[in-house]
Amino acid sequence: MIIKRERSPLAIILLAVLLIVIACVSLTFGQIDVPVSKALAVIGSQLNLPGFTDADYSREQLAVIWYIRLPRMLVGVLVGAALGISGAVMQGIFSNPLADPGLIGISSGAATGAVLSIALGAASGSMFAMPAFAFCGSICAVCLTVFLAMRNGKIPVMTLLLAGVAVGMLLGAITSGLLTFMNEQKLQQYLFWMVGGLDYRRWEHVYLAVGPVLCGIIIMCLLARHLNILVLGETEAKAVGMPVTAFRMGLLFVAAMTTATSVCVSGNIGFVGL
């Protein structure tokens, strides 16, 4: 017997409203307290919304809200959404509620790419160098995991899991090896990124993440019904005519791309994937 559980539209709307309220309130707290009305005035005037053209706020409030807190808040929302939905997809693919995006080497690949950019000196030349290296490292790790797991055009779940663990350990060893040749300043730079966080996030990070994250979320939501069928088992999915390998590969790479984008702009914040 299958128990059908659906979240009501009202609950989704309430959670969305709660997210917006918490996000707006978060803009007011910090070393400089800004009233909610002033924060909304800054956002409305910068977006040229009707009724906010003559909004009253100080230069300090403009700098704090528009250039510091708002980009940081938007990056946090994007990263949280990306890791959350990618974790749900991974749990469906592996049929395990403890699965997260790091199982297939995404986080390890990002760490290797980040430390490589620091070792080569590229990270000091451009703010986009480390995210680019981290993104490429994540995608390469996923491709290597899939290559090792594929057998006769199929990807067994257990083999994919073991391949992901093996690739993660290999990349972890490579990262540790690179760290031994780095000086103290570069080592601190890597550790600061590896811990993960939203400090010093700017509009450039928002622009870098918003496209891939939103596209990935939309695609995974559109494939939610297929994922539900896939969770029932490979035999049941084939019985209803689903190309199991194609959908598993597609979901895997979309989740990997979404997770890689979030990791490259915020560092390694993996626990949200659970």
Protein backbone atom coordinates (compact mmCIF):
# COMPACT_ATOMS: atom_id res chain seq x y z
CA MET A 1 0.00 0.00 0.00
CA ILE A 2 1.30 3.46 -0.96
CA ILE A 3 0.52 6.32 1.40
CA LYS A 4 0.13 9.54 -0.54
CA ARG A 5 1.55 12.53 1.26
CA GLU A 6 1.26 15.98 -0.26
CA ARG A 7 2.08 19.35 1.18
CA SER A 8 -0.92 21.66 0.83
CA PRO A 9 -0.57 24.82 -1.28
CA LEU A 10 -1.46 26.86 1.80
CA ALA A 11 1.54 25.48 3.69
CA ILE A 12 3.84 26.30 0.77
CA ILE A 13 2.48 29.85 0.58
CA LEU A 14 2.89 30.34 4.34
CA LEU A 15 6.47 29.08 4.23
CA ALA A 16 7.26 31.38 1.30
CA VAL A 17 5.81 34.37 3.15
CA LEU A 18 7.75 33.40 6.28
CA LEU A 19 10.97 33.22 4.24
CA ILE A 20 10.37 36.70 2.81
CA VAL A 21 9.60 38.14 6.26
CA ILE A 22 12.70 36.59 7.84
CA ALA A 23 14.85 37.75 4.92
CA CYS A 24 13.60 41.32 5.27
CA VAL A 25 14.05 41.33 9.03
CA SER A 26 17.59 39.94 8.68
CA LEU A 27 18.55 43.05 6.73
CA THR A 28 17.96 45.21 9.80
CA PHE A 29 20.35 43.48 12.22
CA GLY A 30 24.10 43.94 12.44
CA GLN A 31 26.70 46.36 13.74
CA ILE A 32 24.51 49.14 12.34
CA ASP A 33 20.80 48.73 13.06
CA VAL A 34 18.56 49.82 10.21
CA PRO A 35 14.76 50.05 10.63
CA VAL A 36 12.68 47.80 8.39
CA SER A 37 11.03 50.83 6.81
CA LYS A 38 14.42 52.28 5.84
CA ALA A 39 15.60 48.94 4.46
CA LEU A 40 12.48 48.64 2.30
CA ALA A 41 12.91 52.25 1.21
CA VAL A 42 16.47 51.57 0.04
CA ILE A 43 15.44 48.45 -1.90
CA GLY A 44 12.40 50.13 -3.43
CA SER A 45 14.30 53.21 -4.56
CA GLN A 46 17.16 51.21 -6.06
CA LEU A 47 14.65 49.10 -8.00
CA ASN A 48 12.74 52.23 -9.08
CA LEU A 49 9.48 50.93 -7.64
CA PRO A 50 6.49 53.30 -7.62
CA GLY A 51 6.16 55.20 -4.37
CA PHE A 52 9.84 54.91 -3.45
CA THR A 53 11.35 57.50 -5.77
CA ASP A 54 11.59 60.10 -3.00
CA ALA A 55 12.34 57.67 -0.16
CA ASP A 56 14.23 59.11 2.80
CA TYR A 57 17.40 57.29 3.92
CA SER A 58 21.04 58.09 4.59
CA ARG A 59 24.10 57.18 2.55
CA GLU A 60 25.22 54.89 5.34
CA GLN A 61 21.92 52.98 5.24
CA LEU A 62 22.16 52.71 1.44
CA ALA A 63 25.67 51.26 1.65
CA VAL A 64 24.79 48.82 4.43
CA ILE A 65 21.56 47.50 2.90
CA TRP A 66 22.18 47.57 -0.84
CA TYR A 67 25.90 46.79 -1.07
CA ILE A 68 26.50 44.56 1.97
CA ARG A 69 23.45 42.86 3.49
CA LEU A 70 21.12 42.37 0.52
CA PRO A 71 23.66 40.52 -1.68
CA ARG A 72 24.67 38.39 1.29
CA MET A 73 21.04 37.54 2.05
CA LEU A 74 20.26 36.65 -1.58
CA VAL A 75 23.32 34.41 -1.82
CA GLY A 76 22.21 32.68 1.38
CA VAL A 77 18.72 32.05 0.00
CA LEU A 78 20.07 30.74 -3.32
CA VAL A 79 22.63 28.48 -1.66
CA GLY A 80 20.12 27.11 0.83
CA ALA A 81 17.58 26.38 -1.90
CA ALA A 82 20.19 24.77 -4.14
CA LEU A 83 21.61 22.51 -1.45
CA GLY A 84 18.18 21.61 -0.09
CA ILE A 85 16.63 20.50 -3.38
CA SER A 86 19.86 18.83 -4.55
CA GLY A 87 19.98 16.87 -1.30
CA ALA A 88 16.37 15.75 -1.81
CA VAL A 89 17.19 14.57 -5.34
CA MET A 90 20.26 12.68 -4.10
CA GLN A 91 18.15 10.99 -1.42
CA GLY A 92 15.72 9.93 -4.12
CA ILE A 93 18.43 8.62 -6.42
CA PHE A 94 20.15 6.63 -3.66
CA SER A 95 16.89 5.74 -1.85
CA ASN A 96 18.57 6.82 1.37
CA PRO A 97 17.39 9.69 3.62
CA LEU A 98 20.99 10.30 4.74
CA ALA A 99 22.33 10.95 1.22
CA ASP A 100 23.63 14.41 0.38
CA PRO A 101 25.36 16.00 -2.65
CA GLY A 102 28.79 15.36 -1.19
CA LEU A 103 28.42 11.60 -1.71
CA ILE A 104 29.46 11.75 -5.36
CA GLY A 105 32.54 13.89 -4.80
CA ILE A 106 31.10 17.35 -5.50
CA SER A 107 32.48 18.98 -2.35
CA SER A 108 35.83 17.22 -2.68
CA GLY A 109 36.13 18.31 -6.30
CA ALA A 110 35.32 21.90 -5.37
CA ALA A 111 37.93 21.84 -2.59
CA THR A 112 40.58 20.52 -4.98
CA GLY A 113 39.73 23.16 -7.56
CA ALA A 114 39.83 25.92 -4.94
CA VAL A 115 43.19 24.90 -3.52
CA LEU A 116 44.58 24.56 -7.05
CA SER A 117 43.53 28.13 -7.88
CA ILE A 118 45.26 29.37 -4.72
CA ALA A 119 48.41 27.33 -5.38
CA LEU A 120 48.67 28.68 -8.93
CA GLY A 121 48.09 32.26 -7.77
CA ALA A 122 44.95 32.67 -9.86
CA ALA A 123 42.75 33.38 -6.83
CA SER A 124 44.65 36.56 -6.01
CA GLY A 125 44.26 37.91 -9.54
CA SER A 126 40.47 37.75 -9.83
CA MET A 127 37.55 37.21 -7.47
CA PHE A 128 36.00 34.83 -10.01
CA ALA A 129 39.06 32.58 -10.30
CA MET A 130 38.40 30.48 -7.19
CA PRO A 131 34.67 29.98 -7.91
CA ALA A 132 35.51 29.01 -11.50
CA PHE A 133 38.15 26.49 -10.40
CA ALA A 134 35.82 25.11 -7.72
CA PHE A 135 32.98 24.70 -10.22
CA CYS A 136 35.22 22.93 -12.74
CA GLY A 137 36.59 20.68 -10.00
CA SER A 138 33.08 19.68 -8.92
CA ILE A 139 31.94 18.86 -12.46
CA CYS A 140 35.12 16.87 -13.16
CA ALA A 141 34.61 14.90 -9.94
CA VAL A 142 31.03 14.03 -10.92
CA CYS A 143 32.11 12.98 -14.43
CA LEU A 144 34.84 10.76 -12.98
CA THR A 145 32.39 9.20 -10.52
CA VAL A 146 29.87 8.42 -13.27
CA PHE A 147 32.62 7.04 -15.52
CA LEU A 148 33.81 4.66 -12.80
CA ALA A 149 30.27 3.59 -11.88
CA MET A 150 28.91 2.96 -15.37
CA ARG A 151 28.65 -0.69 -16.39
CA ASN A 152 27.28 -1.66 -19.81
CA GLY A 153 25.41 1.60 -20.15
CA LYS A 154 23.86 1.31 -16.67
CA ILE A 155 24.67 3.00 -13.37
CA PRO A 156 23.97 0.74 -10.37
CA VAL A 157 23.20 2.82 -7.29
CA MET A 158 25.59 0.93 -5.02
CA THR A 159 28.42 1.19 -7.55
CA LEU A 160 27.75 4.91 -7.92
CA LEU A 161 27.92 5.33 -4.15
CA LEU A 162 31.20 3.43 -3.86
CA ALA A 163 32.69 5.31 -6.81
CA GLY A 164 31.70 8.61 -5.21
CA VAL A 165 33.37 7.67 -1.93
CA ALA A 166 36.52 6.56 -3.76
CA VAL A 167 36.70 9.74 -5.85
CA GLY A 168 36.10 11.86 -2.75
CA MET A 169 38.97 10.16 -0.90
CA LEU A 170 41.27 10.50 -3.92
CA LEU A 171 40.55 14.21 -4.31
CA GLY A 172 40.90 14.70 -0.56
CA ALA A 173 44.38 13.19 -0.74
CA ILE A 174 45.29 15.43 -3.67
CA THR A 175 44.04 18.48 -1.77
CA SER A 176 46.07 17.53 1.30
CA GLY A 177 49.14 17.05 -0.86
CA LEU A 178 48.75 20.50 -2.43
CA LEU A 179 48.28 22.10 0.99
CA THR A 180 51.65 20.83 2.19
CA PHE A 181 53.39 22.97 -0.45
CA MET A 182 51.50 26.19 0.32
CA ASN A 183 52.72 29.00 2.53
CA GLU A 184 50.83 30.20 5.58
CA GLN A 185 49.02 33.06 3.81
CA LYS A 186 47.66 30.80 1.04
CA LEU A 187 46.76 28.14 3.60
CA GLN A 188 44.67 30.65 5.56
CA GLN A 189 42.95 31.74 2.35
CA TYR A 190 41.98 28.16 1.57
CA LEU A 191 40.80 27.39 5.11
CA PHE A 192 38.65 30.54 5.12
CA TRP A 193 36.93 29.37 1.92
CA MET A 194 36.69 25.76 3.07
CA VAL A 195 34.81 26.65 6.25
CA GLY A 196 32.14 28.26 4.10
CA GLY A 197 30.13 31.38 4.78
CA LEU A 198 28.39 34.43 3.38
CA ASP A 199 30.82 37.14 4.47
CA TYR A 200 32.00 39.61 1.82
CA ARG A 201 29.48 38.34 -0.74
CA ARG A 202 28.68 40.98 -3.35
CA TRP A 203 26.32 41.42 -6.26
CA GLU A 204 28.83 39.65 -8.50
CA HIS A 205 28.29 36.46 -6.48
CA VAL A 206 24.51 36.84 -6.86
CA TYR A 207 24.82 37.21 -10.63
CA LEU A 208 27.14 34.22 -10.74
CA ALA A 209 24.74 31.94 -8.85
CA VAL A 210 21.23 33.05 -9.76
CA GLY A 211 21.12 31.66 -13.32
CA PRO A 212 22.42 28.09 -12.75
CA VAL A 213 20.66 27.72 -9.39
CA LEU A 214 17.23 28.83 -10.64
CA CYS A 215 17.53 26.73 -13.82
CA GLY A 216 18.56 23.70 -11.78
CA ILE A 217 15.70 24.14 -9.30
CA ILE A 218 13.13 24.50 -12.10
CA ILE A 219 14.39 21.40 -13.92
CA MET A 220 14.45 19.28 -10.77
CA CYS A 221 10.93 20.42 -9.82
CA LEU A 222 9.67 19.51 -13.30
CA LEU A 223 11.23 16.04 -12.92
CA ALA A 224 9.83 15.50 -9.41
CA ARG A 225 7.18 13.00 -10.54
CA HIS A 226 9.78 10.96 -12.40
CA LEU A 227 11.95 10.96 -9.28
CA ASN A 228 9.01 9.63 -7.25
CA ILE A 229 8.69 6.74 -9.68
CA LEU A 230 12.44 6.15 -9.55
CA VAL A 231 12.30 5.93 -5.75
CA LEU A 232 9.94 2.95 -6.02
CA GLY A 233 12.75 0.89 -7.55
CA GLU A 234 14.40 0.27 -10.89
CA THR A 235 12.13 -2.65 -11.74
CA GLU A 236 8.95 -0.65 -11.10
CA ALA A 237 10.29 2.33 -13.06
CA LYS A 238 11.09 0.15 -16.07
CA ALA A 239 7.64 -1.43 -15.84
CA VAL A 240 6.01 1.94 -16.54
CA GLY A 241 8.34 2.61 -19.46
CA MET A 242 10.78 5.00 -17.82
CA PRO A 243 14.35 5.10 -19.21
CA VAL A 244 15.94 4.69 -15.77
CA THR A 245 19.56 5.36 -16.73
CA ALA A 246 18.75 8.51 -18.71
CA PHE A 247 16.64 10.03 -15.92
CA ARG A 248 19.14 9.05 -13.24
CA MET A 249 21.99 10.61 -15.24
CA GLY A 250 19.95 13.75 -15.94
CA LEU A 251 18.91 14.26 -12.32
CA LEU A 252 22.43 13.52 -11.15
CA PHE A 253 24.09 16.10 -13.38
CA VAL A 254 21.46 18.79 -12.74
CA ALA A 255 21.83 18.30 -8.99
CA ALA A 256 25.62 18.31 -9.37
CA MET A 257 25.58 21.54 -11.41
CA THR A 258 23.30 23.23 -8.88
CA THR A 259 25.37 22.10 -5.92
CA ALA A 260 28.65 23.02 -7.61
CA THR A 261 27.35 26.54 -8.25
CA SER A 262 26.33 26.99 -4.62
CA VAL A 263 29.61 25.61 -3.30
CA CYS A 264 31.71 27.81 -5.57
CA VAL A 265 30.09 31.03 -4.27
CA SER A 266 29.73 30.17 -0.58
CA GLY A 267 32.34 27.53 0.18
CA ASN A 268 31.66 24.11 1.59
CA ILE A 269 28.29 24.29 3.43
CA GLY A 270 27.26 20.68 3.08
CA PHE A 271 24.95 20.01 6.01
CA VAL A 272 22.04 21.85 4.35
CA GLY A 273 21.86 19.02 1.81
CA LEU A 274 20.44 16.74 4.49
